[in-house]
Amino acid sequence: ANITVLDAEDILLSGVSTADELLRKMPSLTLQGVNKQVNNGGGGLARIDLRNLVSGRTLVLLNGKRIIGAYGGGVDMNNIPIHMVERIEVLLDGASAIYGSDAVAGVVNVVLKDDFEGFRTDIHGGVTTYGDGGNFTVSTTMGGNHDKGNAVLNLSYYKRNEIWQKDRDWAHPPNVGIWYNLNKDGTRDGTIGNTWGSTFHPGGRLFTSFGNFGFESDG
């Protein structure tokens, strides 16, 4: 089986604040929902997706056991505190024969620390080269051994400021697509043009060379 393992040292050296940021560095894995590259939609969730087969086809395990998925399929990686992770194992081969159809794309197994003892606080942050999109993280982990095992507690706070589309010259205004005039039989009459505006509706706006339009509430 093709397994990639990211251990605690990899996590520390990467300087990431969330598990999805760490996994994003793998070329076979993409993200769905809200992350550093996408700030529209997603309901605040950060879901992982192997081979672009949708997040519902990537099985996420915690210590080898299934995690209850978020609304719409997939697991919200924001629920996993990165500083409690011992290692992340990524099985890039489909494992549907073992786990079912939700493992068609592969399996991600997050293994938490089970022997942490002491007290540790991690603080870091940063901004983009444009001075925006600032992020700040503070995480405290404490744990100890006792006669029945080990107990670990983690408290984390993470904040990432927004970056507006209008703040980047190359993205403003956005080119949504191309429009065509159609004949009654559905064929194109040769007229072609570009459209600009927001792609989200209701409330979205569409601008073309022959007028401005708003989407109806039903899309």
Protein backbone atom coordinates (compact mmCIF):
# COMPACT_ATOMS: atom_id res chain seq x y z
CA ALA A 1 0.00 0.00 0.00
CA ASN A 2 1.13 3.55 -0.73
CA ILE A 3 1.20 5.24 2.69
CA THR A 4 2.55 8.70 3.50
CA VAL A 5 3.29 9.49 7.15
CA LEU A 6 3.61 13.02 8.56
CA ASP A 7 4.92 12.93 12.13
CA ALA A 8 5.03 15.47 14.97
CA GLU A 9 8.39 16.81 13.78
CA ASP A 10 6.99 17.50 10.31
CA ILE A 11 4.09 19.35 11.92
CA LEU A 12 6.42 21.44 14.10
CA LEU A 13 8.72 22.38 11.21
CA SER A 14 5.80 23.26 8.92
CA GLY A 15 4.55 25.98 11.28
CA VAL A 16 0.92 25.26 10.35
CA SER A 17 -2.00 26.09 12.63
CA THR A 18 -4.55 23.56 11.40
CA ALA A 19 -4.45 19.99 10.13
CA ASP A 20 -5.85 20.93 6.71
CA GLU A 21 -2.97 23.39 6.13
CA LEU A 22 -0.48 20.57 6.69
CA LEU A 23 -2.24 18.14 4.38
CA ARG A 24 -2.64 20.82 1.69
CA LYS A 25 1.09 20.48 0.97
CA MET A 26 0.50 17.00 -0.46
CA PRO A 27 -0.01 17.13 -4.27
CA SER A 28 -2.58 14.32 -4.21
CA LEU A 29 -4.79 16.12 -1.71
CA THR A 30 -7.02 19.15 -2.15
CA LEU A 31 -9.26 21.02 0.25
CA GLN A 32 -12.97 21.77 0.23
CA GLY A 33 -14.65 24.51 2.21
CA VAL A 34 -12.86 27.46 3.79
CA ASN A 35 -9.05 27.53 3.81
CA LYS A 36 -6.21 29.88 2.93
CA GLN A 37 -6.97 29.57 -0.79
CA VAL A 38 -10.78 29.67 -0.70
CA ASN A 39 -12.82 32.24 1.23
CA ASN A 40 -16.23 31.77 -0.37
CA GLY A 41 -18.69 29.16 0.80
CA GLY A 42 -18.00 26.05 2.83
CA GLY A 43 -19.95 27.04 5.93
CA GLY A 44 -16.72 27.48 7.90
CA LEU A 45 -15.73 23.85 7.38
CA ALA A 46 -12.33 22.59 6.24
CA ARG A 47 -12.64 19.21 4.53
CA ILE A 48 -9.96 17.20 2.77
CA ASP A 49 -10.33 15.54 -0.59
CA LEU A 50 -7.98 12.97 -2.14
CA ARG A 51 -7.73 13.07 -5.94
CA ASN A 52 -10.65 15.52 -6.29
CA LEU A 53 -13.21 12.75 -5.79
CA VAL A 54 -15.15 14.94 -3.27
CA SER A 55 -14.55 14.87 0.47
CA GLY A 56 -17.24 12.27 1.04
CA ARG A 57 -15.02 9.73 -0.73
CA THR A 58 -12.02 10.32 1.56
CA LEU A 59 -12.37 8.47 4.85
CA VAL A 60 -10.92 10.29 7.89
CA LEU A 61 -10.10 8.22 10.97
CA LEU A 62 -9.08 9.33 14.46
CA ASN A 63 -6.80 6.78 16.11
CA GLY A 64 -8.08 4.24 13.60
CA LYS A 65 -11.76 4.90 14.31
CA ARG A 66 -14.31 6.70 12.17
CA ILE A 67 -15.21 10.29 12.94
CA ILE A 68 -18.75 11.55 12.56
CA GLY A 69 -18.81 13.55 9.33
CA ALA A 70 -19.88 17.17 8.96
CA TYR A 71 -23.00 18.31 7.14
CA GLY A 72 -22.67 17.60 3.42
CA GLY A 73 -20.14 14.79 3.85
CA GLY A 74 -16.53 14.67 4.91
CA VAL A 75 -14.92 15.54 8.24
CA ASP A 76 -14.27 19.08 9.43
CA MET A 77 -10.53 19.11 10.14
CA ASN A 78 -10.98 22.17 12.36
CA ASN A 79 -12.15 19.76 15.06
CA ILE A 80 -8.69 18.18 15.31
CA PRO A 81 -6.19 20.24 17.36
CA ILE A 82 -2.94 20.14 15.41
CA HIS A 83 -0.75 20.31 18.53
CA MET A 84 -2.23 17.07 19.87
CA VAL A 85 -1.37 15.13 16.71
CA GLU A 86 1.41 12.56 16.93
CA ARG A 87 1.31 11.66 13.25
CA ILE A 88 -0.98 11.61 10.21
CA GLU A 89 -1.07 8.54 7.98
CA VAL A 90 -2.40 8.98 4.44
CA LEU A 91 -3.32 5.85 2.48
CA LEU A 92 -3.34 6.92 -1.15
CA ASP A 93 -4.76 3.64 -2.43
CA GLY A 94 -8.51 3.19 -2.47
CA ALA A 95 -9.63 1.09 0.48
CA SER A 96 -13.33 0.69 -0.31
CA ALA A 97 -13.07 -3.09 -0.02
CA ILE A 98 -12.18 -2.66 3.67
CA TYR A 99 -13.99 0.51 4.73
CA GLY A 100 -16.76 0.98 2.18
CA SER A 101 -17.59 3.56 -0.48
CA ASP A 102 -16.50 6.52 1.66
CA ALA A 103 -12.89 5.29 1.24
CA VAL A 104 -12.86 5.10 -2.55
CA ALA A 105 -10.28 7.91 -2.80
CA GLY A 106 -8.21 6.80 0.20
CA VAL A 107 -7.93 7.04 3.98
CA VAL A 108 -6.47 9.66 6.31
CA ASN A 109 -5.75 8.39 9.83
CA VAL A 110 -4.97 11.00 12.47
CA VAL A 111 -3.13 9.56 15.48
CA LEU A 112 -3.19 11.66 18.66
CA LYS A 113 -0.50 11.76 21.33
CA ASP A 114 -1.14 9.19 24.05
CA ASP A 115 1.89 9.73 26.27
CA PHE A 116 2.16 13.51 26.60
CA GLU A 117 3.34 14.64 30.02
CA GLY A 118 3.93 18.22 31.08
CA PHE A 119 2.77 21.63 29.93
CA ARG A 120 3.37 23.30 26.57
CA THR A 121 2.18 26.53 24.95
CA ASP A 122 2.58 27.31 21.22
CA ILE A 123 2.08 30.84 19.88
CA HIS A 124 2.60 31.97 16.32
CA GLY A 125 1.12 34.15 13.62
CA GLY A 126 1.83 35.97 10.40
CA VAL A 127 0.54 38.08 7.52
CA THR A 128 0.78 37.98 3.74
CA THR A 129 3.35 39.97 1.81
CA TYR A 130 0.56 42.53 1.22
CA GLY A 131 0.12 43.04 4.96
CA ASP A 132 -3.33 41.46 5.12
CA GLY A 133 -4.77 38.02 5.85
CA GLY A 134 -3.20 38.00 9.27
CA ASN A 135 -3.51 34.86 11.36
CA PHE A 136 -2.85 34.19 15.02
CA THR A 137 -2.74 30.96 17.01
CA VAL A 138 -2.27 30.18 20.68
CA SER A 139 -2.46 26.57 21.84
CA THR A 140 -1.88 25.08 25.28
CA THR A 141 -1.42 21.35 25.80
CA MET A 142 -1.12 19.69 29.19
CA GLY A 143 -1.03 16.07 30.21
CA GLY A 144 0.13 13.52 32.71
CA ASN A 145 0.43 9.81 33.37
CA HIS A 146 -1.53 7.95 36.00
CA ASP A 147 -2.11 4.34 37.00
CA LYS A 148 -4.76 3.84 34.31
CA GLY A 149 -2.98 5.53 31.42
CA ASN A 150 -2.43 9.06 30.18
CA ALA A 151 -4.72 12.10 30.09
CA VAL A 152 -4.18 15.01 27.71
CA LEU A 153 -6.03 18.32 27.44
CA ASN A 154 -5.63 20.92 24.70
CA LEU A 155 -7.07 24.43 24.48
CA SER A 156 -6.60 26.25 21.17
CA TYR A 157 -7.58 29.59 19.70
CA TYR A 158 -7.10 30.34 16.01
CA LYS A 159 -8.10 33.42 14.04
CA ARG A 160 -7.55 34.12 10.34
CA ASN A 161 -8.48 37.52 8.94
CA GLU A 162 -10.22 37.82 5.60
CA ILE A 163 -8.67 38.81 2.26
CA TRP A 164 -11.16 40.49 -0.04
CA GLN A 165 -11.16 39.77 -3.74
CA LYS A 166 -11.01 43.51 -4.41
CA ASP A 167 -7.65 43.64 -2.58
CA ARG A 168 -5.84 41.92 -5.46
CA ASP A 169 -5.58 43.67 -8.82
CA TRP A 170 -5.47 40.40 -10.75
CA ALA A 171 -8.76 39.26 -9.19
CA HIS A 172 -10.81 42.45 -9.51
CA PRO A 173 -13.13 42.44 -11.31
CA PRO A 174 -13.55 38.69 -11.67
CA ASN A 175 -14.25 37.22 -15.08
CA VAL A 176 -17.16 34.89 -14.41
CA GLY A 177 -17.51 33.42 -17.86
CA ILE A 178 -18.49 33.86 -21.51
CA TRP A 179 -21.98 34.51 -22.83
CA TYR A 180 -23.47 33.61 -26.21
CA ASN A 181 -26.60 34.60 -28.07
CA LEU A 182 -28.71 31.59 -29.01
CA ASN A 183 -31.03 31.06 -31.95
CA LYS A 184 -34.48 29.62 -31.41
CA ASP A 185 -33.18 26.16 -32.27
CA GLY A 186 -30.54 26.43 -29.52
CA THR A 187 -27.56 27.05 -31.77
CA ARG A 188 -25.21 30.00 -31.27
CA ASP A 189 -25.63 32.97 -33.59
CA GLY A 190 -21.94 33.92 -33.45
CA THR A 191 -22.25 36.71 -30.86
CA ILE A 192 -19.82 36.27 -27.97
CA GLY A 193 -18.78 38.34 -24.97
CA ASN A 194 -17.37 38.23 -21.44
CA THR A 195 -19.25 38.60 -18.17
CA TRP A 196 -18.03 39.92 -14.83
CA GLY A 197 -19.40 39.97 -11.32
CA SER A 198 -20.01 37.74 -8.32
CA THR A 199 -20.80 34.08 -8.86
CA PHE A 200 -22.78 33.68 -5.64
CA HIS A 201 -26.54 34.07 -5.54
CA PRO A 202 -29.06 35.02 -4.37
CA GLY A 203 -27.83 38.57 -4.13
CA GLY A 204 -25.12 38.09 -6.77
CA ARG A 205 -24.47 40.61 -9.53
CA LEU A 206 -23.72 40.04 -13.19
CA PHE A 207 -22.27 42.68 -15.52
CA THR A 208 -22.15 42.30 -19.30
CA SER A 209 -21.50 44.56 -22.24
CA PHE A 210 -25.25 45.03 -22.78
CA GLY A 211 -26.41 45.71 -19.21
CA ASN A 212 -26.26 44.89 -15.52
CA PHE A 213 -28.33 42.15 -13.96
CA GLY A 214 -29.11 40.66 -10.56
CA PHE A 215 -29.86 37.01 -9.91
CA GLU A 216 -33.37 36.12 -8.78
CA SER A 217 -33.77 34.71 -5.28
CA ASP A 218 -34.20 31.20 -6.68
CA GLY A 219 -30.91 31.44 -8.56
